[in-house]
PDB file of N, CA and C in Angstrom:
ATOM      1  N   UNK A   1     -62.237  31.593  21.017  1.00  0.00           N
ATOM      2  CA  UNK A   1     -61.171  31.654  20.036  1.00  0.00           C
ATOM      3  C   UNK A   1     -61.705  32.255  18.734  1.00  0.00           C
ATOM      4  N   UNK A   2     -60.975  33.171  18.186  1.00  0.00           N
ATOM      5  CA  UNK A   2     -61.371  33.845  16.960  1.00  0.00           C
ATOM      6  C   UNK A   2     -61.069  32.965  15.759  1.00  0.00           C
ATOM      7  N   UNK A   3     -62.088  32.744  14.921  1.00  0.00           N
ATOM      8  CA  UNK A   3     -61.920  31.954  13.702  1.00  0.00           C
ATOM      9  C   UNK A   3     -61.889  32.905  12.512  1.00  0.00           C
ATOM     10  N   UNK A   4     -60.762  32.968  11.849  1.00  0.00           N
ATOM     11  CA  UNK A   4     -60.647  33.803  10.655  1.00  0.00           C
ATOM     12  C   UNK A   4     -60.749  32.867   9.446  1.00  0.00           C
ATOM     13  N   UNK A   5     -61.759  33.101   8.603  1.00  0.00           N
ATOM     14  CA  UNK A   5     -61.924  32.287   7.406  1.00  0.00           C
ATOM     15  C   UNK A   5     -62.443  33.171   6.278  1.00  0.00           C
ATOM     16  N   UNK A   6     -62.951  32.563   5.244  1.00  0.00           N
ATOM     17  CA  UNK A   6     -63.400  33.284   4.059  1.00  0.00           C
ATOM     18  C   UNK A   6     -64.498  34.293   4.367  1.00  0.00           C
ATOM     19  N   UNK A   7     -65.296  34.055   5.414  1.00  0.00           N
ATOM     20  CA  UNK A   7     -66.398  34.968   5.720  1.00  0.00           C
ATOM     21  C   UNK A   7     -65.884  36.351   6.103  1.00  0.00           C
ATOM     22  N   UNK A   8     -64.754  36.391   6.811  1.00  0.00           N
ATOM     23  CA  UNK A   8     -64.155  37.687   7.175  1.00  0.00           C
ATOM     24  C   UNK A   8     -63.729  38.444   5.919  1.00  0.00           C
ATOM     25  N   UNK A   9     -63.127  37.729   4.984  1.00  0.00           N
ATOM     26  CA  UNK A   9     -62.687  38.366   3.736  1.00  0.00           C
ATOM     27  C   UNK A   9     -63.882  38.866   2.941  1.00  0.00           C
ATOM     28  N   UNK A  10     -64.938  38.069   2.863  1.00  0.00           N
ATOM     29  CA  UNK A  10     -66.135  38.477   2.119  1.00  0.00           C
ATOM     30  C   UNK A  10     -66.773  39.707   2.750  1.00  0.00           C
ATOM     31  N   UNK A  11     -66.907  39.700   4.073  1.00  0.00           N
ATOM     32  CA  UNK A  11     -67.503  40.847   4.768  1.00  0.00           C
ATOM     33  C   UNK A  11     -66.637  42.087   4.617  1.00  0.00           C
ATOM     34  N   UNK A  12     -65.325  41.921   4.790  1.00  0.00           N
ATOM     35  CA  UNK A  12     -64.410  43.062   4.668  1.00  0.00           C
ATOM     36  C   UNK A  12     -64.429  43.629   3.252  1.00  0.00           C
ATOM     37  N   UNK A  13     -64.469  42.766   2.266  1.00  0.00           N
ATOM     38  CA  UNK A  13     -64.502  43.210   0.872  1.00  0.00           C
ATOM     39  C   UNK A  13     -65.777  44.004   0.585  1.00  0.00           C
ATOM     40  N   UNK A  14     -66.920  43.490   1.057  1.00  0.00           N
ATOM     41  CA  UNK A  14     -68.195  44.181   0.832  1.00  0.00           C
ATOM     42  C   UNK A  14     -68.209  45.546   1.520  1.00  0.00           C
ATOM     43  N   UNK A  15     -67.809  45.574   2.789  1.00  0.00           N
ATOM     44  CA  UNK A  15     -67.835  46.832   3.540  1.00  0.00           C
ATOM     45  C   UNK A  15     -66.824  47.833   2.990  1.00  0.00           C
ATOM     46  N   UNK A  16     -65.644  47.350   2.625  1.00  0.00           N
ATOM     47  CA  UNK A  16     -64.637  48.245   2.031  1.00  0.00           C
ATOM     48  C   UNK A  16     -65.108  48.755   0.675  1.00  0.00           C
ATOM     49  N   UNK A  17     -65.761  47.892  -0.081  1.00  0.00           N
ATOM     50  CA  UNK A  17     -66.296  48.315  -1.380  1.00  0.00           C
ATOM     51  C   UNK A  17     -67.362  49.383  -1.228  1.00  0.00           C
ATOM     52  N   UNK A  18     -68.262  49.204  -0.265  1.00  0.00           N
ATOM     53  CA  UNK A  18     -69.308  50.201  -0.022  1.00  0.00           C
ATOM     54  C   UNK A  18     -68.694  51.522   0.413  1.00  0.00           C
ATOM     55  N   UNK A  19     -67.699  51.455   1.291  1.00  0.00           N
ATOM     56  CA  UNK A  19     -67.036  52.674   1.763  1.00  0.00           C
ATOM     57  C   UNK A  19     -66.298  53.380   0.621  1.00  0.00           C
ATOM     58  N   UNK A  20     -65.642  52.606  -0.220  1.00  0.00           N
ATOM     59  CA  UNK A  20     -64.909  53.178  -1.351  1.00  0.00           C
ATOM     60  C   UNK A  20     -65.865  53.832  -2.342  1.00  0.00           C
ATOM     61  N   UNK A  21     -66.937  53.132  -2.679  1.00  0.00           N
ATOM     62  CA  UNK A  21     -67.907  53.693  -3.626  1.00  0.00           C
ATOM     63  C   UNK A  21     -68.571  54.948  -3.065  1.00  0.00           C
ATOM     64  N   UNK A  22     -68.792  54.973  -1.758  1.00  0.00           N
ATOM     65  CA  UNK A  22     -69.345  56.171  -1.130  1.00  0.00           C
ATOM     66  C   UNK A  22     -68.320  57.304  -1.156  1.00  0.00           C
ATOM     67  N   UNK A  23     -67.061  56.977  -0.917  1.00  0.00           N
ATOM     68  CA  UNK A  23     -66.003  57.996  -0.887  1.00  0.00           C
ATOM     69  C   UNK A  23     -65.790  58.656  -2.247  1.00  0.00           C
ATOM     70  N   UNK A  24     -65.958  57.887  -3.314  1.00  0.00           N
ATOM     71  CA  UNK A  24     -65.766  58.463  -4.648  1.00  0.00           C
ATOM     72  C   UNK A  24     -67.066  58.993  -5.246  1.00  0.00           C
ATOM     73  N   UNK A  25     -68.146  58.895  -4.489  1.00  0.00           N
ATOM     74  CA  UNK A  25     -69.409  59.486  -4.906  1.00  0.00           C
ATOM     75  C   UNK A  25     -70.291  58.639  -5.789  1.00  0.00           C
ATOM     76  N   UNK A  26     -69.980  57.365  -5.938  1.00  0.00           N
ATOM     77  CA  UNK A  26     -70.804  56.479  -6.753  1.00  0.00           C
ATOM     78  C   UNK A  26     -72.023  55.999  -5.979  1.00  0.00           C
ATOM     79  N   UNK A  27     -71.897  55.942  -4.669  1.00  0.00           N
ATOM     80  CA  UNK A  27     -72.937  55.445  -3.791  1.00  0.00           C
ATOM     81  C   UNK A  27     -73.218  56.497  -2.730  1.00  0.00           C
ATOM     82  N   UNK A  28     -74.450  56.603  -2.320  1.00  0.00           N
ATOM     83  CA  UNK A  28     -74.790  57.549  -1.256  1.00  0.00           C
ATOM     84  C   UNK A  28     -73.973  57.199  -0.006  1.00  0.00           C
ATOM     85  N   UNK A  29     -73.415  58.202   0.641  1.00  0.00           N
ATOM     86  CA  UNK A  29     -72.507  57.951   1.767  1.00  0.00           C
ATOM     87  C   UNK A  29     -73.190  57.259   2.940  1.00  0.00           C
ATOM     88  N   UNK A  30     -74.487  57.497   3.109  1.00  0.00           N
ATOM     89  CA  UNK A  30     -75.182  56.869   4.234  1.00  0.00           C
ATOM     90  C   UNK A  30     -75.239  55.350   4.107  1.00  0.00           C
ATOM     91  N   UNK A  31     -75.111  54.843   2.896  1.00  0.00           N
ATOM     92  CA  UNK A  31     -75.212  53.401   2.678  1.00  0.00           C
ATOM     93  C   UNK A  31     -74.063  52.669   3.379  1.00  0.00           C
ATOM     94  N   UNK A  32     -72.851  53.185   3.259  1.00  0.00           N
ATOM     95  CA  UNK A  32     -71.699  52.554   3.901  1.00  0.00           C
ATOM     96  C   UNK A  32     -71.857  52.567   5.420  1.00  0.00           C
ATOM     97  N   UNK A  33     -72.389  53.663   5.952  1.00  0.00           N
ATOM     98  CA  UNK A  33     -72.611  53.765   7.399  1.00  0.00           C
ATOM     99  C   UNK A  33     -73.658  52.747   7.849  1.00  0.00           C
ATOM    100  N   UNK A  34     -74.717  52.618   7.080  1.00  0.00           N
ATOM    101  CA  UNK A  34     -75.770  51.658   7.419  1.00  0.00           C
ATOM    102  C   UNK A  34     -75.231  50.233   7.394  1.00  0.00           C
ATOM    103  N   UNK A  35     -74.463  49.882   6.360  1.00  0.00           N
ATOM    104  CA  UNK A  35     -73.897  48.530   6.283  1.00  0.00           C
ATOM    105  C   UNK A  35     -73.001  48.237   7.476  1.00  0.00           C
ATOM    106  N   UNK A  36     -72.135  49.169   7.823  1.00  0.00           N
ATOM    107  CA  UNK A  36     -71.221  48.955   8.947  1.00  0.00           C
ATOM    108  C   UNK A  36     -71.987  48.829  10.268  1.00  0.00           C
ATOM    109  N   UNK A  37     -72.921  49.742  10.506  1.00  0.00           N
ATOM    110  CA  UNK A  37     -73.692  49.734  11.747  1.00  0.00           C
ATOM    111  C   UNK A  37     -74.558  48.478  11.854  1.00  0.00           C
ATOM    112  N   UNK A  38     -75.242  48.146  10.779  1.00  0.00           N
ATOM    113  CA  UNK A  38     -76.109  46.961  10.790  1.00  0.00           C
ATOM    114  C   UNK A  38     -75.290  45.675  10.936  1.00  0.00           C
ATOM    115  N   UNK A  39     -74.091  45.653  10.368  1.00  0.00           N
ATOM    116  CA  UNK A  39     -73.236  44.472  10.494  1.00  0.00           C
ATOM    117  C   UNK A  39     -72.785  44.270  11.936  1.00  0.00           C
ATOM    118  N   UNK A  40     -72.428  45.355  12.601  1.00  0.00           N
ATOM    119  CA  UNK A  40     -72.045  45.264  14.016  1.00  0.00           C
ATOM    120  C   UNK A  40     -73.236  44.799  14.846  1.00  0.00           C
ATOM    121  N   UNK A  41     -74.404  45.364  14.571  1.00  0.00           N
ATOM    122  CA  UNK A  41     -75.615  44.977  15.305  1.00  0.00           C
ATOM    123  C   UNK A  41     -75.965  43.507  15.067  1.00  0.00           C
ATOM    124  N   UNK A  42     -75.849  43.050  13.821  1.00  0.00           N
ATOM    125  CA  UNK A  42     -76.160  41.654  13.505  1.00  0.00           C
ATOM    126  C   UNK A  42     -75.175  40.714  14.184  1.00  0.00           C
ATOM    127  N   UNK A  43     -73.899  41.065  14.153  1.00  0.00           N
ATOM    128  CA  UNK A  43     -72.884  40.237  14.815  1.00  0.00           C
ATOM    129  C   UNK A  43     -73.195  40.116  16.304  1.00  0.00           C
ATOM    130  N   UNK A  44     -73.513  41.246  16.928  1.00  0.00           N
ATOM    131  CA  UNK A  44     -73.837  41.251  18.361  1.00  0.00           C
ATOM    132  C   UNK A  44     -75.106  40.441  18.641  1.00  0.00           C
ATOM    133  N   UNK A  45     -76.092  40.544  17.774  1.00  0.00           N
ATOM    134  CA  UNK A  45     -77.341  39.797  17.964  1.00  0.00           C
ATOM    135  C   UNK A  45     -77.095  38.293  17.864  1.00  0.00           C
ATOM    136  N   UNK A  46     -76.298  37.870  16.895  1.00  0.00           N
ATOM    137  CA  UNK A  46     -75.960  36.452  16.768  1.00  0.00           C
ATOM    138  C   UNK A  46     -75.208  35.972  18.001  1.00  0.00           C
ATOM    139  N   UNK A  47     -74.261  36.788  18.496  1.00  0.00           N
ATOM    140  CA  UNK A  47     -73.496  36.416  19.691  1.00  0.00           C
ATOM    141  C   UNK A  47     -74.426  36.249  20.886  1.00  0.00           C
ATOM    142  N   UNK A  48     -75.342  37.186  21.049  1.00  0.00           N
ATOM    143  CA  UNK A  48     -76.291  37.115  22.169  1.00  0.00           C
ATOM    144  C   UNK A  48     -77.199  35.901  22.041  1.00  0.00           C
ATOM    145  N   UNK A  49     -77.680  35.640  20.826  1.00  0.00           N
ATOM    146  CA  UNK A  49     -78.576  34.502  20.614  1.00  0.00           C
ATOM    147  C   UNK A  49     -77.852  33.181  20.862  1.00  0.00           C
ATOM    148  N   UNK A  50     -76.612  33.076  20.414  1.00  0.00           N
ATOM    149  CA  UNK A  50     -75.832  31.859  20.645  1.00  0.00           C
ATOM    150  C   UNK A  50     -75.609  31.654  22.143  1.00  0.00           C
ATOM    151  N   UNK A  51     -75.297  32.731  22.845  1.00  0.00           N
ATOM    152  CA  UNK A  51     -75.100  32.652  24.292  1.00  0.00           C
ATOM    153  C   UNK A  51     -76.374  32.180  24.995  1.00  0.00           C
ATOM    154  N   UNK A  52     -77.491  32.732  24.572  1.00  0.00           N
ATOM    155  CA  UNK A  52     -78.778  32.329  25.154  1.00  0.00           C
ATOM    156  C   UNK A  52     -79.116  30.874  24.805  1.00  0.00           C
ATOM    157  N   UNK A  53     -78.764  30.458  23.614  1.00  0.00           N
ATOM    158  CA  UNK A  53     -79.017  29.073  23.204  1.00  0.00           C
ATOM    159  C   UNK A  53     -78.230  28.107  24.088  1.00  0.00           C
ATOM    160  N   UNK A  54     -76.977  28.438  24.348  1.00  0.00           N
ATOM    161  CA  UNK A  54     -76.144  27.572  25.188  1.00  0.00           C
ATOM    162  C   UNK A  54     -76.623  27.554  26.641  1.00  0.00           C
ATOM    163  N   UNK A  55     -77.173  28.688  27.095  1.00  0.00           N
ATOM    164  CA  UNK A  55     -77.656  28.787  28.474  1.00  0.00           C
ATOM    165  C   UNK A  55     -79.119  28.365  28.607  1.00  0.00           C
ATOM    166  N   UNK A  56     -79.701  27.962  27.475  1.00  0.00           N
ATOM    167  CA  UNK A  56     -81.119  27.603  27.412  1.00  0.00           C
ATOM    168  C   UNK A  56     -82.005  28.740  27.919  1.00  0.00           C
ATOM    169  N   UNK A  57     -81.621  29.946  27.547  1.00  0.00           N
ATOM    170  CA  UNK A  57     -82.372  31.136  27.943  1.00  0.00           C
ATOM    171  C   UNK A  57     -83.303  31.598  26.844  1.00  0.00           C
ATOM    172  N   UNK A  58     -83.806  32.805  27.007  1.00  0.00           N
ATOM    173  CA  UNK A  58     -84.743  33.380  26.040  1.00  0.00           C
ATOM    174  C   UNK A  58     -83.983  33.774  24.772  1.00  0.00           C
ATOM    175  N   UNK A  59     -84.464  33.293  23.640  1.00  0.00           N
ATOM    176  CA  UNK A  59     -83.789  33.469  22.358  1.00  0.00           C
ATOM    177  C   UNK A  59     -84.378  34.618  21.576  1.00  0.00           C
ATOM    178  N   UNK A  60     -83.579  35.138  20.651  1.00  0.00           N
ATOM    179  CA  UNK A  60     -84.084  36.127  19.699  1.00  0.00           C
ATOM    180  C   UNK A  60     -84.880  35.395  18.622  1.00  0.00           C
ATOM    181  N   UNK A  61     -86.018  35.937  18.230  1.00  0.00           N
ATOM    182  CA  UNK A  61     -86.740  35.310  17.111  1.00  0.00           C
ATOM    183  C   UNK A  61     -85.896  35.370  15.834  1.00  0.00           C
ATOM    184  N   UNK A  62     -85.977  34.338  15.030  1.00  0.00           N
ATOM    185  CA  UNK A  62     -85.207  34.307  13.783  1.00  0.00           C
ATOM    186  C   UNK A  62     -85.535  35.493  12.896  1.00  0.00           C
ATOM    187  N   UNK A  63     -86.764  35.961  12.923  1.00  0.00           N
ATOM    188  CA  UNK A  63     -87.132  37.093  12.074  1.00  0.00           C
ATOM    189  C   UNK A  63     -86.345  38.348  12.447  1.00  0.00           C
ATOM    190  N   UNK A  64     -85.972  38.497  13.723  1.00  0.00           N
ATOM    191  CA  UNK A  64     -85.160  39.641  14.141  1.00  0.00           C
ATOM    192  C   UNK A  64     -83.786  39.558  13.481  1.00  0.00           C
ATOM    193  N   UNK A  65     -83.204  38.367  13.472  1.00  0.00           N
ATOM    194  CA  UNK A  65     -81.910  38.193  12.811  1.00  0.00           C
ATOM    195  C   UNK A  65     -82.022  38.491  11.322  1.00  0.00           C
ATOM    196  N   UNK A  66     -83.104  38.023  10.698  1.00  0.00           N
ATOM    197  CA  UNK A  66     -83.286  38.269   9.266  1.00  0.00           C
ATOM    198  C   UNK A  66     -83.524  39.755   8.971  1.00  0.00           C
ATOM    199  N   UNK A  67     -84.227  40.449   9.836  1.00  0.00           N
ATOM    200  CA  UNK A  67     -84.437  41.889   9.631  1.00  0.00           C
ATOM    201  C   UNK A  67     -83.092  42.624   9.700  1.00  0.00           C
ATOM    202  N   UNK A  68     -82.253  42.263  10.660  1.00  0.00           N
ATOM    203  CA  UNK A  68     -80.923  42.883  10.749  1.00  0.00           C
ATOM    204  C   UNK A  68     -80.098  42.607   9.495  1.00  0.00           C
ATOM    205  N   UNK A  69     -80.190  41.387   8.987  1.00  0.00           N
ATOM    206  CA  UNK A  69     -79.486  41.038   7.745  1.00  0.00           C
ATOM    207  C   UNK A  69     -80.005  41.878   6.579  1.00  0.00           C
ATOM    208  N   UNK A  70     -81.319  41.958   6.469  1.00  0.00           N
ATOM    209  CA  UNK A  70     -81.942  42.694   5.370  1.00  0.00           C
ATOM    210  C   UNK A  70     -81.641  44.189   5.435  1.00  0.00           C
ATOM    211  N   UNK A  71     -81.460  44.708   6.641  1.00  0.00           N
ATOM    212  CA  UNK A  71     -81.148  46.130   6.801  1.00  0.00           C
ATOM    213  C   UNK A  71     -79.699  46.438   6.447  1.00  0.00           C
ATOM    214  N   UNK A  72     -78.956  45.449   6.014  1.00  0.00           N
ATOM    215  CA  UNK A  72     -77.571  45.655   5.606  1.00  0.00           C
ATOM    216  C   UNK A  72     -76.573  44.943   6.493  1.00  0.00           C
ATOM    217  N   UNK A  73     -77.051  44.214   7.479  1.00  0.00           N
ATOM    218  CA  UNK A  73     -76.153  43.544   8.402  1.00  0.00           C
ATOM    219  C   UNK A  73     -75.715  42.159   7.982  1.00  0.00           C
ATOM    220  N   UNK A  74     -75.986  41.798   6.739  1.00  0.00           N
ATOM    221  CA  UNK A  74     -75.629  40.442   6.324  1.00  0.00           C
ATOM    222  C   UNK A  74     -74.124  40.161   6.402  1.00  0.00           C
ATOM    223  N   UNK A  75     -73.219  41.153   6.155  1.00  0.00           N
ATOM    224  CA  UNK A  75     -71.797  40.805   6.304  1.00  0.00           C
ATOM    225  C   UNK A  75     -71.449  40.409   7.747  1.00  0.00           C
ATOM    226  N   UNK A  76     -71.953  41.157   8.714  1.00  0.00           N
ATOM    227  CA  UNK A  76     -71.718  40.820  10.115  1.00  0.00           C
ATOM    228  C   UNK A  76     -72.376  39.508  10.498  1.00  0.00           C
ATOM    229  N   UNK A  77     -73.551  39.252   9.948  1.00  0.00           N
ATOM    230  CA  UNK A  77     -74.257  37.994  10.214  1.00  0.00           C
ATOM    231  C   UNK A  77     -73.477  36.806   9.647  1.00  0.00           C
ATOM    232  N   UNK A  78     -72.917  36.970   8.460  1.00  0.00           N
ATOM    233  CA  UNK A  78     -72.127  35.910   7.840  1.00  0.00           C
ATOM    234  C   UNK A  78     -70.934  35.548   8.719  1.00  0.00           C
ATOM    235  N   UNK A  79     -70.216  36.566   9.172  1.00  0.00           N
ATOM    236  CA  UNK A  79     -69.061  36.323  10.041  1.00  0.00           C
ATOM    237  C   UNK A  79     -69.505  35.666  11.344  1.00  0.00           C
ATOM    238  N   UNK A  80     -70.591  36.156  11.927  1.00  0.00           N
ATOM    239  CA  UNK A  80     -71.080  35.611  13.199  1.00  0.00           C
ATOM    240  C   UNK A  80     -71.509  34.151  13.052  1.00  0.00           C
ATOM    241  N   UNK A  81     -72.163  33.822  11.946  1.00  0.00           N
ATOM    242  CA  UNK A  81     -72.577  32.430  11.735  1.00  0.00           C
ATOM    243  C   UNK A  81     -71.364  31.510  11.765  1.00  0.00           C
ATOM    244  N   UNK A  82     -70.312  31.924  11.109  1.00  0.00           N
ATOM    245  CA  UNK A  82     -69.101  31.102  11.047  1.00  0.00           C
ATOM    246  C   UNK A  82     -68.338  31.141  12.367  1.00  0.00           C
ATOM    247  N   UNK A  83     -68.264  32.322  12.978  1.00  0.00           N
ATOM    248  CA  UNK A  83     -67.524  32.493  14.223  1.00  0.00           C
ATOM    249  C   UNK A  83     -68.129  31.677  15.361  1.00  0.00           C
ATOM    250  N   UNK A  84     -69.446  31.754  15.499  1.00  0.00           N
ATOM    251  CA  UNK A  84     -70.125  31.107  16.623  1.00  0.00           C
ATOM    252  C   UNK A  84     -70.740  29.762  16.257  1.00  0.00           C
ATOM    253  N   UNK A  85     -70.605  29.374  14.985  1.00  0.00           N
ATOM    254  CA  UNK A  85     -71.243  28.148  14.496  1.00  0.00           C
ATOM    255  C   UNK A  85     -72.718  28.150  14.883  1.00  0.00           C
ATOM    256  N   UNK A  86     -73.348  29.227  14.489  1.00  0.00           N
ATOM    257  CA  UNK A  86     -74.734  29.458  14.890  1.00  0.00           C
ATOM    258  C   UNK A  86     -75.628  29.627  13.667  1.00  0.00           C
ATOM    259  N   UNK A  87     -76.709  28.894  13.636  1.00  0.00           N
ATOM    260  CA  UNK A  87     -77.713  28.927  12.572  1.00  0.00           C
ATOM    261  C   UNK A  87     -77.174  28.388  11.242  1.00  0.00           C
ATOM    262  N   UNK A  88     -76.109  27.614  11.296  1.00  0.00           N
ATOM    263  CA  UNK A  88     -75.503  27.130  10.051  1.00  0.00           C
ATOM    264  C   UNK A  88     -76.131  25.832   9.539  1.00  0.00           C
ATOM    265  N   UNK A  89     -76.835  25.110  10.404  1.00  0.00           N
ATOM    266  CA  UNK A  89     -77.416  23.829   9.985  1.00  0.00           C
ATOM    267  C   UNK A  89     -78.916  23.902   9.756  1.00  0.00           C
ATOM    268  N   UNK A  90     -79.504  25.055  10.011  1.00  0.00           N
ATOM    269  CA  UNK A  90     -80.945  25.210   9.796  1.00  0.00           C
ATOM    270  C   UNK A  90     -81.174  25.603   8.333  1.00  0.00           C
ATOM    271  N   UNK A  91     -81.634  24.651   7.549  1.00  0.00           N
ATOM    272  CA  UNK A  91     -81.752  24.837   6.101  1.00  0.00           C
ATOM    273  C   UNK A  91     -82.671  26.010   5.763  1.00  0.00           C
ATOM    274  N   UNK A  92     -83.834  26.081   6.373  1.00  0.00           N
ATOM    275  CA  UNK A  92     -84.775  27.166   6.075  1.00  0.00           C
ATOM    276  C   UNK A  92     -84.145  28.528   6.403  1.00  0.00           C
ATOM    277  N   UNK A  93     -83.487  28.608   7.521  1.00  0.00           N
ATOM    278  CA  UNK A  93     -82.830  29.851   7.917  1.00  0.00           C
ATOM    279  C   UNK A  93     -81.770  30.239   6.897  1.00  0.00           C
ATOM    280  N   UNK A  94     -80.962  29.276   6.475  1.00  0.00           N
ATOM    281  CA  UNK A  94     -79.892  29.550   5.508  1.00  0.00           C
ATOM    282  C   UNK A  94     -80.446  29.959   4.140  1.00  0.00           C
ATOM    283  N   UNK A  95     -81.540  29.362   3.736  1.00  0.00           N
ATOM    284  CA  UNK A  95     -82.153  29.750   2.458  1.00  0.00           C
ATOM    285  C   UNK A  95     -82.572  31.218   2.506  1.00  0.00           C
ATOM    286  N   UNK A  96     -83.231  31.604   3.582  1.00  0.00           N
ATOM    287  CA  UNK A  96     -83.654  33.011   3.716  1.00  0.00           C
ATOM    288  C   UNK A  96     -82.438  33.921   3.788  1.00  0.00           C
ATOM    289  N   UNK A  97     -81.434  33.530   4.556  1.00  0.00           N
ATOM    290  CA  UNK A  97     -80.214  34.340   4.667  1.00  0.00           C
ATOM    291  C   UNK A  97     -79.591  34.571   3.292  1.00  0.00           C
ATOM    292  N   UNK A  98     -79.393  33.507   2.521  1.00  0.00           N
ATOM    293  CA  UNK A  98     -78.731  33.644   1.223  1.00  0.00           C
ATOM    294  C   UNK A  98     -79.612  34.370   0.198  1.00  0.00           C
ATOM    295  N   UNK A  99     -80.925  34.298   0.341  1.00  0.00           N
ATOM    296  CA  UNK A  99     -81.803  35.113  -0.508  1.00  0.00           C
ATOM    297  C   UNK A  99     -81.632  36.601  -0.189  1.00  0.00           C
ATOM    298  N   UNK A 100     -81.458  36.925   1.088  1.00  0.00           N
ATOM    299  CA  UNK A 100     -81.200  38.314   1.486  1.00  0.00           C
ATOM    300  C   UNK A 100     -79.871  38.787   0.901  1.00  0.00           C
ATOM    301  N   UNK A 101     -78.842  37.952   1.004  1.00  0.00           N
ATOM    302  CA  UNK A 101     -77.536  38.300   0.430  1.00  0.00           C
ATOM    303  C   UNK A 101     -77.674  38.510  -1.083  1.00  0.00           C
ATOM    304  N   UNK A 102     -78.376  37.618  -1.753  1.00  0.00           N
ATOM    305  CA  UNK A 102     -78.570  37.730  -3.207  1.00  0.00           C
ATOM    306  C   UNK A 102     -79.303  39.018  -3.561  1.00  0.00           C
ATOM    307  N   UNK A 103     -80.280  39.401  -2.749  1.00  0.00           N
ATOM    308  CA  UNK A 103     -80.999  40.651  -3.002  1.00  0.00           C
ATOM    309  C   UNK A 103     -80.053  41.852  -2.898  1.00  0.00           C
ATOM    310  N   UNK A 104     -79.187  41.846  -1.901  1.00  0.00           N
ATOM    311  CA  UNK A 104     -78.220  42.935  -1.762  1.00  0.00           C
ATOM    312  C   UNK A 104     -77.251  42.960  -2.941  1.00  0.00           C
ATOM    313  N   UNK A 105     -76.789  41.806  -3.360  1.00  0.00           N
ATOM    314  CA  UNK A 105     -75.892  41.742  -4.508  1.00  0.00           C
ATOM    315  C   UNK A 105     -76.600  42.211  -5.776  1.00  0.00           C
ATOM    316  N   UNK A 106     -77.866  41.860  -5.909  1.00  0.00           N
ATOM    317  CA  UNK A 106     -78.638  42.302  -7.071  1.00  0.00           C
ATOM    318  C   UNK A 106     -78.806  43.803  -7.119  1.00  0.00           C
ATOM    319  N   UNK A 107     -79.111  44.397  -5.976  1.00  0.00           N
ATOM    320  CA  UNK A 107     -79.233  45.867  -5.927  1.00  0.00           C
ATOM    321  C   UNK A 107     -77.895  46.504  -6.247  1.00  0.00           C
ATOM    322  N   UNK A 108     -76.817  45.942  -5.716  1.00  0.00           N
ATOM    323  CA  UNK A 108     -75.479  46.492  -5.990  1.00  0.00           C
ATOM    324  C   UNK A 108     -75.149  46.401  -7.485  1.00  0.00           C
ATOM    325  N   UNK A 109     -75.520  45.298  -8.110  1.00  0.00           N
ATOM    326  CA  UNK A 109     -75.258  45.135  -9.544  1.00  0.00           C
ATOM    327  C   UNK A 109     -76.095  46.097 -10.381  1.00  0.00           C
ATOM    328  N   UNK A 110     -77.288  46.441  -9.894  1.00  0.00           N
ATOM    329  CA  UNK A 110     -78.177  47.343 -10.634  1.00  0.00           C
ATOM    330  C   UNK A 110     -77.840  48.815 -10.423  1.00  0.00           C
ATOM    331  N   UNK A 111     -77.091  49.126  -9.375  1.00  0.00           N
ATOM    332  CA  UNK A 111     -76.795  50.529  -9.047  1.00  0.00           C
ATOM    333  C   UNK A 111     -76.228  51.356 -10.204  1.00  0.00           C
ATOM    334  N   UNK A 112     -75.320  50.811 -11.007  1.00  0.00           N
ATOM    335  CA  UNK A 112     -74.806  51.638 -12.106  1.00  0.00           C
ATOM    336  C   UNK A 112     -75.886  52.061 -13.110  1.00  0.00           C
ATOM    337  N   UNK A 113     -77.003  51.350 -13.139  1.00  0.00           N
ATOM    338  CA  UNK A 113     -78.049  51.622 -14.108  1.00  0.00           C
ATOM    339  C   UNK A 113     -79.178  52.494 -13.565  1.00  0.00           C
ATOM    340  N   UNK A 114     -79.266  52.605 -12.252  1.00  0.00           N
ATOM    341  CA  UNK A 114     -80.345  53.373 -11.613  1.00  0.00           C
ATOM    342  C   UNK A 114     -79.750  54.331 -10.600  1.00  0.00           C
ATOM    343  N   UNK A 115     -80.141  55.573 -10.670  1.00  0.00           N
ATOM    344  CA  UNK A 115     -79.641  56.581  -9.723  1.00  0.00           C
ATOM    345  C   UNK A 115     -80.746  57.001  -8.774  1.00  0.00           C
ATOM    346  N   UNK A 116     -81.301  56.047  -8.049  1.00  0.00           N
ATOM    347  CA  UNK A 116     -82.341  56.325  -7.061  1.00  0.00           C
ATOM    348  C   UNK A 116     -81.996  55.611  -5.763  1.00  0.00           C
ATOM    349  N   UNK A 117     -82.553  56.061  -4.664  1.00  0.00           N
ATOM    350  CA  UNK A 117     -82.351  55.421  -3.364  1.00  0.00           C
ATOM    351  C   UNK A 117     -80.882  55.313  -3.007  1.00  0.00           C
ATOM    352  N   UNK A 118     -80.431  54.109  -2.620  1.00  0.00           N
ATOM    353  CA  UNK A 118     -79.035  53.957  -2.201  1.00  0.00           C
ATOM    354  C   UNK A 118     -78.041  54.190  -3.331  1.00  0.00           C
ATOM    355  N   UNK A 119     -78.514  54.096  -4.553  1.00  0.00           N
ATOM    356  CA  UNK A 119     -77.635  54.289  -5.696  1.00  0.00           C
ATOM    357  C   UNK A 119     -77.499  55.762  -6.086  1.00  0.00           C
ATOM    358  N   UNK A 120     -78.251  56.609  -5.422  1.00  0.00           N
ATOM    359  CA  UNK A 120     -78.221  58.028  -5.736  1.00  0.00           C
ATOM    360  C   UNK A 120     -76.967  58.656  -5.144  1.00  0.00           C
ATOM    361  N   UNK A 121     -76.241  59.371  -5.962  1.00  0.00           N
ATOM    362  CA  UNK A 121     -75.013  60.011  -5.505  1.00  0.00           C
ATOM    363  C   UNK A 121     -75.306  61.177  -4.576  1.00  0.00           C
ATOM    364  N   UNK A 122     -74.376  61.401  -3.657  1.00  0.00           N
ATOM    365  CA  UNK A 122     -74.500  62.561  -2.774  1.00  0.00           C
ATOM    366  C   UNK A 122     -74.299  63.842  -3.579  1.00  0.00           C
ATOM    367  N   UNK A 123     -74.949  64.894  -3.083  1.00  0.00           N
ATOM    368  CA  UNK A 123     -74.715  66.206  -3.689  1.00  0.00           C
ATOM    369  C   UNK A 123     -75.650  66.611  -4.695  1.00  0.00           C
TER     370      UNK A 123
END
C-alpha cells in the first residue's frame, strides 16, 4: 500500500526546485538529473534492502545507502524510509542521514554566493 505523507511533498519540492533552478539557469542542469537519478536509485535500494531484511537474506551495507543519499538520493531515501518503514528506528543511521540532508541544504543555501561546481550556471 502506498503511503503518501510529508516526505513525498518534501522530496517533490526539492526535486522540482532543482529542476526549476536548472531550467532558469541558476543551477547547472546536470544537478537536477543527478538528484532525480540518485533518488530513484536510493528508493530502489531501500526497497531491495527492506525485502531482504524481511526474507532474512543478504542485506545492503548501510554505507551503500548513505553513499546513495550523499550522491543526491536523499529525497528518494526519505520517501523510501517512510514508505517501507525502513531504517527509521536506528538512531545512528538517522543521525548520518539527517547530516547528509543538512549538508545538501547548506550547499543549496550557499549557491547564490558561489558560482563553482553544482552552483555554476550552464553556458
